[in-house]
Amino acid sequence: MTSDTGTRARTGAATGTGTGAGTDAGAGAGTAQAPSLDTDALLDDPDIRIVVCCGSGGVGKTTTAAALGVRAAERGRKVVVLTIDPARRLAQSMGIDSLDNIPRRVKGVGAEGAGELHAMMLDMKRTFDEIVEAHADGERARAILENPFYQSLSAGFAGTQEYMAMEKLGQLRARDEWDLIVVDTPPSRSALDFLDAPKRLGSFLDGKFIKLLMAPAKMGGRAGMKFLNVGMSMMTGTLGKLLGGQFLRDVQTFVAAMDTMFGGFRTRADATYKLLQAPGTAFLVVATPERDALREAAYFVERLAAEDMPLAGLVLNRVHGSDAARLSAERALAAAENLDADGIVDQGAGKAGLREPAESPAAGSAPTPDTAGAATPEPSEHASEHDPADIPDAEADTRTDAATNTATADAVTVEQLTAGLLRLHAERMQVVAREQHTRDRFTALHPEVAVTAVAALPGDVHDLAGLRAIGDRLATGSASAGAA
């Protein structure tokens, strides 16, 4: 099967709609529409035993893997999720105090059905230790585990984490205890590191440099030391200056102890690659609708095809939408500017407006005799200040002025608020347009790749309910439902 055929076969199985690129009449002429990824069909397929979530760092791989695990378990499968993310939030969202190198049952998932969910977090060093313990006798294993070079190698050598993730995947698959394994691949600078690093580490441990270092130990005793002193004196002298004599001795001691295991690293790396190429494996490339993330996703899709690895589709995370998409950004901004202009005019008129002359006496007018009498009452006439025919009229005018001013202020506030909301909507629609343009570029390059778009949530996922919500959105492709 060619790589293109393998990709299309898996995509067709996941979508049920084939892989041809269509045209979205509603989106405008020439806009390619990717087939829809049916994640439920993927999770329900008993032939799918491994789902690998891959992509560049920070795109939501860990959350996606956990949500898929929860959904698969609640649909009746016995699932283990292997995560690489050391953050405690994932363990907390599953109701587990902590995750480690041992699969632990997640309570409250699949309890009513036949499904189960187990979760674990890769312990890179512990996994490396398990390999040593499994492939060396007790004395040799102890010498390796105590070797300073091995301790550095197992804790942070470039590619070790990716290699150990695949080693752990092989161990889980060999146990045959779960019918679905969901793998969250390690965070890395580039999505391609996940595929390259295991081979790099295997090649290093089984390479010419290591074999050269092993040669003295293989020759044995003084002959070996003589060979080392004569044939490698220049190299070891240079390395000793650069790395330190003790470091070089640690490396040589490590190599001598690992002599019988080096071939196994290459063998297991090759076996893992074949496992990833098997029909029972499905890759989900996870990305966000941003240019850099989708560029990495495109590279990954091409690499999977070149390596003949089965691609199920693309999960597009944190997609923004709007329930008021019919109101374009341009119209929203124009309406906001009109409201601002109207508010300025109204506010100016309110400040400059004067009462009609009939509503108040003209300044400097002479009082009538009645008015003059009212203005200078006798002390015995003070009770007339409370006459309903006089004072209440002035109070009514005061109340009317206050109500008019309040109404004017309220009207301006509503206009300003409406204009602000229109501007927020315009910004959202600009984001939506940019994300759609970026997605269209990816689809134009890879029209055969099935896609599900997951609407952005207003906050982080911190419990099983949040993981279930993500699972629902993965299944329905609910990015158009308005969102965060």
Protein backbone atom coordinates (compact mmCIF):
# COMPACT_ATOMS: atom_id res chain seq x y z
CA MET A 1 0.00 0.00 0.00
CA THR A 2 1.40 3.41 -0.87
CA SER A 3 1.58 6.17 1.66
CA ASP A 4 -1.16 8.12 -0.11
CA THR A 5 -3.39 5.07 -0.20
CA GLY A 6 -2.77 4.38 3.46
CA THR A 7 -3.73 7.91 4.39
CA ARG A 8 -6.88 7.79 2.33
CA ALA A 9 -7.89 4.39 3.64
CA ARG A 10 -7.72 5.56 7.24
CA THR A 11 -9.41 8.89 6.43
CA GLY A 12 -12.22 7.15 4.60
CA ALA A 13 -12.76 4.79 7.51
CA ALA A 14 -12.97 7.67 9.94
CA THR A 15 -15.28 9.86 7.87
CA GLY A 16 -17.38 7.48 5.83
CA THR A 17 -17.45 10.14 3.12
CA GLY A 18 -14.35 9.47 1.04
CA THR A 19 -11.48 11.86 0.66
CA GLY A 20 -12.19 14.02 -2.32
CA ALA A 21 -12.06 17.74 -1.79
CA GLY A 22 -15.37 19.43 -2.26
CA THR A 23 -16.46 23.01 -2.70
CA ASP A 24 -18.32 24.91 -0.04
CA ALA A 25 -20.85 26.94 -1.93
CA GLY A 26 -21.62 29.00 1.13
CA ALA A 27 -17.99 29.93 1.66
CA GLY A 28 -17.40 31.32 -1.78
CA ALA A 29 -16.16 29.88 -5.03
CA GLY A 30 -12.86 28.04 -4.97
CA THR A 31 -12.85 27.37 -1.20
CA ALA A 32 -11.91 23.74 -0.53
CA GLN A 33 -13.91 21.89 2.11
CA ALA A 34 -12.14 19.11 3.97
CA PRO A 35 -13.98 15.89 4.77
CA SER A 36 -15.32 15.67 8.30
CA LEU A 37 -13.44 13.58 10.85
CA ASP A 38 -15.75 11.20 12.76
CA THR A 39 -13.91 10.65 16.02
CA ASP A 40 -16.67 8.44 17.45
CA ALA A 41 -16.34 6.04 14.52
CA LEU A 42 -12.60 5.98 15.12
CA LEU A 43 -12.98 5.23 18.83
CA ASP A 44 -15.66 2.59 18.23
CA ASP A 45 -13.60 0.67 15.65
CA PRO A 46 -12.36 -2.49 17.44
CA ASP A 47 -9.49 -2.80 14.97
CA ILE A 48 -8.02 0.49 16.17
CA ARG A 49 -5.82 -0.35 19.15
CA ILE A 50 -3.57 2.73 19.29
CA VAL A 51 -4.41 6.42 18.80
CA VAL A 52 -1.43 8.77 18.75
CA CYS A 53 -2.07 12.49 19.32
CA CYS A 54 0.82 14.43 17.83
CA GLY A 55 1.67 17.99 16.91
CA SER A 56 3.78 20.91 18.04
CA GLY A 57 3.86 22.09 21.64
CA GLY A 58 1.03 24.10 23.20
CA VAL A 59 -1.79 23.05 20.87
CA GLY A 60 -3.79 20.95 23.35
CA LYS A 61 -2.50 17.42 22.68
CA THR A 62 -2.71 16.36 26.32
CA THR A 63 -6.28 17.57 26.77
CA THR A 64 -7.29 16.03 23.45
CA ALA A 65 -5.79 12.67 24.40
CA ALA A 66 -7.50 12.70 27.80
CA ALA A 67 -10.87 13.70 26.30
CA LEU A 68 -10.63 10.91 23.72
CA GLY A 69 -9.81 8.45 26.49
CA VAL A 70 -12.83 9.49 28.57
CA ARG A 71 -15.16 9.32 25.58
CA ALA A 72 -13.86 5.93 24.42
CA ALA A 73 -14.21 4.45 27.93
CA GLU A 74 -17.77 5.72 28.24
CA ARG A 75 -18.54 4.12 24.89
CA GLY A 76 -17.48 0.73 26.24
CA ARG A 77 -13.75 0.39 25.58
CA LYS A 78 -11.01 -0.44 28.07
CA VAL A 79 -8.62 2.46 27.63
CA VAL A 80 -5.27 3.58 28.96
CA VAL A 81 -4.05 7.14 28.33
CA LEU A 82 -0.29 7.61 28.29
CA THR A 83 0.52 11.26 28.86
CA ILE A 84 3.85 13.04 28.80
CA ASP A 85 2.66 16.31 30.33
CA PRO A 86 4.00 16.67 33.90
CA ALA A 87 1.39 19.29 34.82
CA ARG A 88 -0.82 18.26 37.73
CA ARG A 89 -3.94 19.72 36.13
CA LEU A 90 -4.55 16.60 34.03
CA ALA A 91 -4.38 14.30 37.05
CA GLN A 92 -6.68 16.64 38.94
CA SER A 93 -9.15 16.75 36.07
CA MET A 94 -9.37 12.97 36.24
CA GLY A 95 -9.78 12.97 40.00
CA ILE A 96 -6.37 11.38 40.62
CA ASP A 97 -3.94 12.76 43.20
CA SER A 98 -0.96 12.12 40.95
CA LEU A 99 0.06 10.21 37.83
CA ASP A 100 3.18 8.08 37.56
CA ASN A 101 4.65 5.26 35.50
CA ILE A 102 1.93 2.81 36.58
CA PRO A 103 -1.54 2.90 34.97
CA ARG A 104 -4.18 3.96 37.50
CA ARG A 105 -7.94 3.53 37.25
CA VAL A 106 -9.94 6.72 36.83
CA LYS A 107 -13.06 6.62 38.97
CA GLY A 108 -16.39 7.82 37.63
CA VAL A 109 -15.66 6.89 34.01
CA GLY A 110 -17.28 3.89 32.38
CA ALA A 111 -18.77 2.76 35.69
CA GLU A 112 -22.20 2.03 34.20
CA GLY A 113 -20.91 0.21 31.13
CA ALA A 114 -18.19 -2.22 30.23
CA GLY A 115 -15.61 0.48 29.62
CA GLU A 116 -12.71 1.51 31.86
CA LEU A 117 -10.25 4.35 31.82
CA HIS A 118 -6.72 4.13 33.17
CA ALA A 119 -4.17 6.93 33.05
CA MET A 120 -0.43 7.17 33.53
CA MET A 121 2.35 9.69 33.05
CA LEU A 122 5.65 8.68 31.50
CA ASP A 123 8.55 8.53 33.94
CA MET A 124 11.41 8.72 31.48
CA LYS A 125 14.17 7.54 33.81
CA ARG A 126 12.08 4.78 35.37
CA THR A 127 11.19 3.44 31.92
CA PHE A 128 14.87 3.40 30.96
CA ASP A 129 15.66 1.59 34.23
CA GLU A 130 13.01 -1.02 33.44
CA ILE A 131 14.65 -1.70 30.08
CA VAL A 132 18.03 -2.22 31.76
CA GLU A 133 16.54 -4.48 34.43
CA ALA A 134 14.68 -6.52 31.81
CA HIS A 135 17.69 -7.08 29.53
CA ALA A 136 20.65 -7.44 31.92
CA ASP A 137 21.44 -9.75 34.78
CA GLY A 138 21.39 -8.42 38.32
CA GLU A 139 25.05 -7.51 38.67
CA ARG A 140 25.33 -5.88 35.27
CA ALA A 141 22.04 -4.04 35.73
CA ARG A 142 23.27 -2.63 39.05
CA ALA A 143 26.54 -1.47 37.44
CA ILE A 144 24.63 0.27 34.66
CA LEU A 145 22.10 1.93 36.96
CA GLU A 146 24.84 3.30 39.20
CA ASN A 147 26.96 4.58 36.33
CA PRO A 148 27.10 8.44 36.25
CA PHE A 149 27.00 8.57 32.45
CA TYR A 150 23.91 6.35 32.37
CA GLN A 151 22.20 8.53 34.97
CA SER A 152 22.79 11.60 32.82
CA LEU A 153 21.72 9.78 29.67
CA SER A 154 18.50 8.43 31.15
CA ALA A 155 17.55 11.77 32.70
CA GLY A 156 18.02 14.20 29.85
CA PHE A 157 19.77 12.99 26.71
CA ALA A 158 18.29 14.51 23.56
CA GLY A 159 15.58 12.20 22.24
CA THR A 160 15.40 10.06 25.38
CA GLN A 161 11.89 11.20 26.27
CA GLU A 162 10.53 10.45 22.81
CA TYR A 163 12.31 7.09 22.71
CA MET A 164 11.03 6.11 26.14
CA ALA A 165 7.48 7.12 25.21
CA MET A 166 7.63 4.62 22.37
CA GLU A 167 9.25 2.01 24.62
CA LYS A 168 6.38 2.41 27.07
CA LEU A 169 3.89 2.19 24.23
CA GLY A 170 5.48 -1.10 23.16
CA GLN A 171 5.29 -2.41 26.73
CA LEU A 172 1.60 -1.50 27.07
CA ARG A 173 0.74 -3.05 23.73
CA ALA A 174 2.63 -6.24 24.58
CA ARG A 175 0.63 -6.66 27.81
CA ASP A 176 -2.60 -6.74 25.77
CA GLU A 177 -4.51 -5.61 28.86
CA TRP A 178 -6.26 -2.69 27.14
CA ASP A 179 -8.10 -2.67 23.84
CA LEU A 180 -7.24 0.99 23.18
CA ILE A 181 -4.09 2.96 24.01
CA VAL A 182 -4.21 6.74 23.58
CA VAL A 183 -0.77 8.35 23.45
CA ASP A 184 0.01 11.99 24.13
CA THR A 185 3.33 12.61 22.41
CA PRO A 186 6.05 14.67 24.13
CA PRO A 187 6.09 18.45 23.80
CA SER A 188 8.91 19.51 21.51
CA ARG A 189 10.23 22.39 19.47
CA SER A 190 9.12 20.66 16.29
CA ALA A 191 6.42 18.08 15.71
CA LEU A 192 8.90 16.08 13.64
CA ASP A 193 11.09 15.39 16.70
CA PHE A 194 8.63 12.75 17.80
CA LEU A 195 9.38 10.61 14.74
CA ASP A 196 13.08 11.39 14.48
CA ALA A 197 14.26 11.18 18.10
CA PRO A 198 13.76 7.41 18.70
CA LYS A 199 15.82 6.58 15.64
CA ARG A 200 18.46 9.12 16.59
CA LEU A 201 18.88 7.63 20.04
CA GLY A 202 18.87 4.09 18.69
CA SER A 203 21.46 5.03 16.07
CA PHE A 204 23.64 6.71 18.71
CA LEU A 205 23.56 3.74 21.08
CA ASP A 206 24.17 1.33 18.22
CA GLY A 207 26.49 3.58 16.22
CA LYS A 208 30.13 3.56 15.19
CA PHE A 209 31.29 5.86 17.99
CA ILE A 210 29.84 3.60 20.68
CA LYS A 211 31.24 0.51 18.96
CA LEU A 212 34.64 2.20 18.86
CA LEU A 213 34.43 2.82 22.59
CA MET A 214 33.38 -0.81 23.12
CA ALA A 215 36.34 -2.20 21.20
CA PRO A 216 38.86 -2.13 24.09
CA ALA A 217 36.44 -3.86 26.43
CA LYS A 218 35.74 -6.54 23.82
CA MET A 219 39.46 -7.23 23.37
CA GLY A 220 39.79 -7.62 27.14
CA GLY A 221 42.50 -7.09 29.75
CA ARG A 222 45.86 -5.59 28.93
CA ALA A 223 45.42 -6.20 25.22
CA GLY A 224 42.42 -3.98 25.29
CA MET A 225 44.25 -1.29 27.22
CA LYS A 226 47.19 -1.54 24.84
CA PHE A 227 44.84 -1.09 21.90
CA LEU A 228 43.24 1.84 23.65
CA ASN A 229 46.59 3.46 24.42
CA VAL A 230 48.04 2.94 20.94
CA GLY A 231 45.06 3.20 18.61
CA MET A 232 42.95 5.73 20.49
CA SER A 233 45.47 7.81 22.39
CA MET A 234 44.92 10.93 20.29
CA MET A 235 41.13 10.64 20.36
CA THR A 236 40.87 9.87 24.08
CA GLY A 237 43.36 12.63 24.89
CA THR A 238 41.27 15.15 23.00
CA LEU A 239 38.00 13.88 24.51
CA GLY A 240 39.61 13.87 27.94
CA LYS A 241 40.51 17.52 27.59
CA LEU A 242 37.07 18.46 26.28
CA LEU A 243 34.92 16.26 28.50
CA GLY A 244 37.20 15.37 31.39
CA GLY A 245 39.04 12.14 32.05
CA GLN A 246 36.53 10.90 34.61
CA PHE A 247 33.62 11.47 32.22
CA LEU A 248 35.34 9.47 29.50
CA ARG A 249 36.01 6.61 31.93
CA ASP A 250 32.32 6.67 32.95
CA VAL A 251 31.33 6.42 29.29
CA GLN A 252 33.67 3.50 28.69
CA THR A 253 32.45 1.70 31.82
CA PHE A 254 28.84 2.28 30.74
CA VAL A 255 29.56 1.01 27.23
CA ALA A 256 31.25 -2.11 28.57
CA ALA A 257 28.29 -2.88 30.82
CA MET A 258 25.75 -2.19 28.06
CA ASP A 259 27.61 -4.31 25.50
CA THR A 260 24.89 -6.96 25.24
CA MET A 261 22.06 -4.42 25.09
CA PHE A 262 23.01 -2.03 22.30
CA GLY A 263 21.62 -4.16 19.53
CA GLY A 264 18.34 -4.30 21.42
CA PHE A 265 17.84 -0.56 21.25
CA ARG A 266 17.94 -0.59 17.46
CA THR A 267 15.74 -3.69 17.35
CA ARG A 268 13.12 -2.15 19.61
CA ALA A 269 13.23 1.15 17.74
CA ASP A 270 12.53 -0.74 14.50
CA ALA A 271 9.76 -2.75 16.17
CA THR A 272 8.14 0.44 17.46
CA TYR A 273 8.23 1.96 14.01
CA LYS A 274 6.48 -1.09 12.60
CA LEU A 275 3.89 -0.86 15.37
CA LEU A 276 3.20 2.74 14.41
CA GLN A 277 2.82 1.73 10.77
CA ALA A 278 0.39 -1.10 11.55
CA PRO A 279 -3.27 -0.82 10.44
CA GLY A 280 -4.39 -0.87 14.09
CA THR A 281 -2.71 2.50 14.74
CA ALA A 282 -4.28 5.88 13.95
CA PHE A 283 -2.51 9.23 14.11
CA LEU A 284 -4.40 12.41 14.99
CA VAL A 285 -2.49 15.58 14.22
CA VAL A 286 -3.50 18.30 16.70
CA ALA A 287 -3.11 21.99 15.87
CA THR A 288 -4.62 25.39 16.49
CA PRO A 289 -5.85 27.63 13.65
CA GLU A 290 -2.64 29.66 13.72
CA ARG A 291 -0.12 29.88 10.91
CA ASP A 292 2.86 28.33 12.72
CA ALA A 293 0.85 25.47 14.26
CA LEU A 294 -0.77 24.55 10.94
CA ARG A 295 2.57 24.77 9.17
CA GLU A 296 3.91 22.18 11.63
CA ALA A 297 0.75 20.12 11.09
CA ALA A 298 1.28 20.20 7.32
CA TYR A 299 4.89 19.03 7.73
CA PHE A 300 3.72 16.25 10.02
CA VAL A 301 1.03 15.11 7.57
CA GLU A 302 3.62 14.92 4.81
CA ARG A 303 6.07 13.04 7.02
CA LEU A 304 3.44 10.50 8.09
CA ALA A 305 2.59 9.89 4.45
CA ALA A 306 6.28 9.47 3.57
CA GLU A 307 6.72 6.93 6.41
CA ASP A 308 3.49 5.10 5.46
CA MET A 309 1.90 5.75 8.85
CA PRO A 310 -1.91 5.81 9.03
CA LEU A 311 -3.32 9.30 9.46
CA ALA A 312 -6.89 9.55 10.78
CA GLY A 313 -7.18 13.31 10.49
CA LEU A 314 -6.59 16.75 11.94
CA VAL A 315 -8.00 18.04 15.23
CA LEU A 316 -8.22 21.82 15.01
CA ASN A 317 -8.36 23.12 18.57
CA ARG A 318 -9.50 26.45 20.04
CA VAL A 319 -11.42 27.58 16.99
CA HIS A 320 -13.39 30.81 17.40
CA GLY A 321 -16.85 31.43 16.02
CA SER A 322 -19.85 33.70 16.48
CA ASP A 323 -23.61 33.23 16.64
CA ALA A 324 -23.91 36.60 14.91
CA ALA A 325 -21.65 35.78 11.98
CA ARG A 326 -24.09 37.39 9.53
CA LEU A 327 -23.00 40.78 10.89
CA SER A 328 -19.62 41.37 9.27
CA ALA A 329 -16.74 43.16 10.93
CA GLU A 330 -17.05 46.07 8.49
CA ARG A 331 -20.76 46.61 9.19
CA ALA A 332 -20.21 46.33 12.94
CA LEU A 333 -17.46 48.96 12.87
CA ALA A 334 -19.55 51.26 10.69
CA ALA A 335 -22.49 50.96 13.08
CA ALA A 336 -20.22 51.69 16.07
CA GLU A 337 -18.87 54.83 14.38
CA ASN A 338 -22.40 56.01 13.60
CA LEU A 339 -23.42 55.51 17.23
CA ASP A 340 -20.39 57.46 18.39
CA ALA A 341 -21.22 60.32 16.01
CA ASP A 342 -24.87 60.40 17.14
CA GLY A 343 -23.80 60.36 20.78
CA ILE A 344 -21.50 63.35 20.29
CA VAL A 345 -24.29 65.37 18.62
CA ASP A 346 -26.86 64.47 21.26
CA GLN A 347 -24.48 65.15 24.09
CA GLY A 348 -23.58 68.56 22.65
CA ALA A 349 -27.22 69.49 22.25
CA GLY A 350 -27.93 68.41 25.80
CA LYS A 351 -25.15 70.59 27.15
CA ALA A 352 -26.03 73.60 25.01
CA GLY A 353 -29.82 73.35 25.17
CA LEU A 354 -31.62 76.20 26.98
CA ARG A 355 -35.12 76.50 28.30
CA GLU A 356 -37.70 78.43 26.36
CA PRO A 357 -38.13 81.97 27.74
CA ALA A 358 -41.78 81.27 28.57
CA GLU A 359 -40.70 78.63 31.10
CA SER A 360 -38.90 81.21 33.35
CA PRO A 361 -39.07 84.91 33.95
CA ALA A 362 -36.80 87.10 31.88
CA ALA A 363 -33.83 88.41 33.74
CA GLY A 364 -34.29 91.92 35.12
CA SER A 365 -38.08 92.09 34.47
CA ALA A 366 -40.04 94.11 36.94
CA PRO A 367 -42.26 92.17 39.30
CA THR A 368 -45.98 92.73 39.21
CA PRO A 369 -47.67 94.07 42.29
CA ASP A 370 -48.97 90.58 43.15
CA THR A 371 -45.54 89.14 42.70
CA ALA A 372 -43.97 91.84 44.81
CA GLY A 373 -46.42 91.20 47.54
CA ALA A 374 -45.67 87.54 47.51
CA ALA A 375 -41.98 88.22 47.59
CA THR A 376 -42.15 90.32 50.81
CA PRO A 377 -44.68 88.63 53.02
CA GLU A 378 -45.45 89.75 56.52
CA PRO A 379 -44.27 87.57 59.39
CA SER A 380 -47.86 86.50 59.98
CA GLU A 381 -48.06 85.21 56.40
CA HIS A 382 -45.18 82.65 56.66
CA ALA A 383 -47.68 79.79 56.50
CA SER A 384 -48.35 80.66 52.86
CA GLU A 385 -44.88 79.19 51.91
CA HIS A 386 -46.57 75.78 51.98
CA ASP A 387 -49.49 76.78 49.81
CA PRO A 388 -50.02 74.06 47.14
CA ALA A 389 -50.79 76.69 44.59
CA ASP A 390 -47.28 78.18 44.79
CA ILE A 391 -44.17 76.19 45.88
CA PRO A 392 -44.97 72.77 44.34
CA ASP A 393 -44.77 74.29 40.84
CA ALA A 394 -41.09 75.17 41.41
CA GLU A 395 -40.36 71.69 42.82
CA ALA A 396 -42.03 70.09 39.80
CA ASP A 397 -39.79 72.11 37.46
CA THR A 398 -36.70 70.95 39.42
CA ARG A 399 -37.74 67.30 39.23
CA THR A 400 -38.40 67.61 35.50
CA ASP A 401 -34.92 69.05 34.90
CA ALA A 402 -33.28 66.23 36.93
CA ALA A 403 -35.24 63.55 35.06
CA THR A 404 -34.31 65.06 31.69
CA ASN A 405 -30.62 65.17 32.60
CA THR A 406 -30.70 61.54 33.88
CA ALA A 407 -32.44 60.32 30.73
CA THR A 408 -29.86 62.11 28.57
CA ALA A 409 -26.99 60.52 30.53
CA ASP A 410 -28.61 57.07 30.29
CA ALA A 411 -29.07 57.44 26.54
CA VAL A 412 -25.40 58.30 26.04
CA THR A 413 -24.31 55.35 28.20
CA VAL A 414 -26.41 52.87 26.21
CA GLU A 415 -25.02 54.18 22.94
CA GLN A 416 -21.45 53.91 24.18
CA LEU A 417 -22.06 50.38 25.46
CA THR A 418 -23.62 49.33 22.17
CA ALA A 419 -20.73 50.82 20.20
CA GLY A 420 -18.26 48.95 22.42
CA LEU A 421 -20.05 45.66 21.90
CA LEU A 422 -20.08 46.22 18.15
CA ARG A 423 -16.33 46.77 18.20
CA LEU A 424 -15.80 43.57 20.20
CA HIS A 425 -17.90 41.70 17.66
CA ALA A 426 -15.85 43.22 14.83
CA GLU A 427 -12.63 42.01 16.50
CA ARG A 428 -14.11 38.52 16.91
CA MET A 429 -15.15 38.40 13.25
CA GLN A 430 -11.66 39.46 12.19
CA VAL A 431 -10.22 36.58 14.24
CA VAL A 432 -12.75 34.19 12.69
CA ALA A 433 -11.82 35.36 9.18
CA ARG A 434 -8.09 35.01 9.85
CA GLU A 435 -8.51 31.49 11.27
CA GLN A 436 -10.69 30.45 8.35
CA HIS A 437 -8.14 31.77 5.86
CA THR A 438 -5.35 29.82 7.59
CA ARG A 439 -7.48 26.68 7.65
CA ASP A 440 -8.36 27.07 3.96
CA ARG A 441 -4.67 27.25 3.08
CA PHE A 442 -4.05 23.96 4.90
CA THR A 443 -7.03 22.30 3.20
CA ALA A 444 -5.87 23.49 -0.21
CA LEU A 445 -2.52 21.78 0.39
CA HIS A 446 -4.02 18.60 1.92
CA PRO A 447 -7.62 18.21 0.73
CA GLU A 448 -7.63 14.51 1.66
CA VAL A 449 -7.11 15.13 5.40
CA ALA A 450 -10.31 14.87 7.45
CA VAL A 451 -10.80 17.67 9.97
CA THR A 452 -12.79 18.22 13.13
CA ALA A 453 -12.84 21.74 14.56
CA VAL A 454 -13.18 22.14 18.32
CA ALA A 455 -14.66 25.40 19.55
CA ALA A 456 -12.62 27.30 22.12
CA LEU A 457 -13.77 27.04 25.71
CA PRO A 458 -13.96 30.15 27.92
CA GLY A 459 -11.53 28.61 30.46
CA ASP A 460 -9.17 25.73 31.16
CA VAL A 461 -10.35 22.16 31.54
CA HIS A 462 -10.06 21.14 35.19
CA ASP A 463 -12.45 18.21 35.70
CA LEU A 464 -14.12 15.26 34.01
CA ALA A 465 -17.05 17.43 32.96
CA GLY A 466 -14.64 19.63 31.02
CA LEU A 467 -13.05 16.59 29.35
CA ARG A 468 -16.52 15.33 28.42
CA ALA A 469 -17.33 18.73 26.91
CA ILE A 470 -14.16 18.54 24.80
CA GLY A 471 -15.11 15.00 23.76
CA ASP A 472 -18.54 16.19 22.65
CA ARG A 473 -16.98 18.95 20.59
CA LEU A 474 -14.48 16.54 19.07
CA ALA A 475 -17.36 14.32 17.98
CA THR A 476 -19.59 17.05 16.61
CA GLY A 477 -17.06 19.48 15.21
CA SER A 478 -18.85 22.29 17.06
CA ALA A 479 -16.56 25.16 16.13
CA SER A 480 -19.41 27.08 14.56
CA ALA A 481 -21.40 27.16 17.77
CA GLY A 482 -20.23 30.36 19.01
CA ALA A 483 -17.64 29.97 21.63
CA ALA A 484 -15.17 31.54 23.89
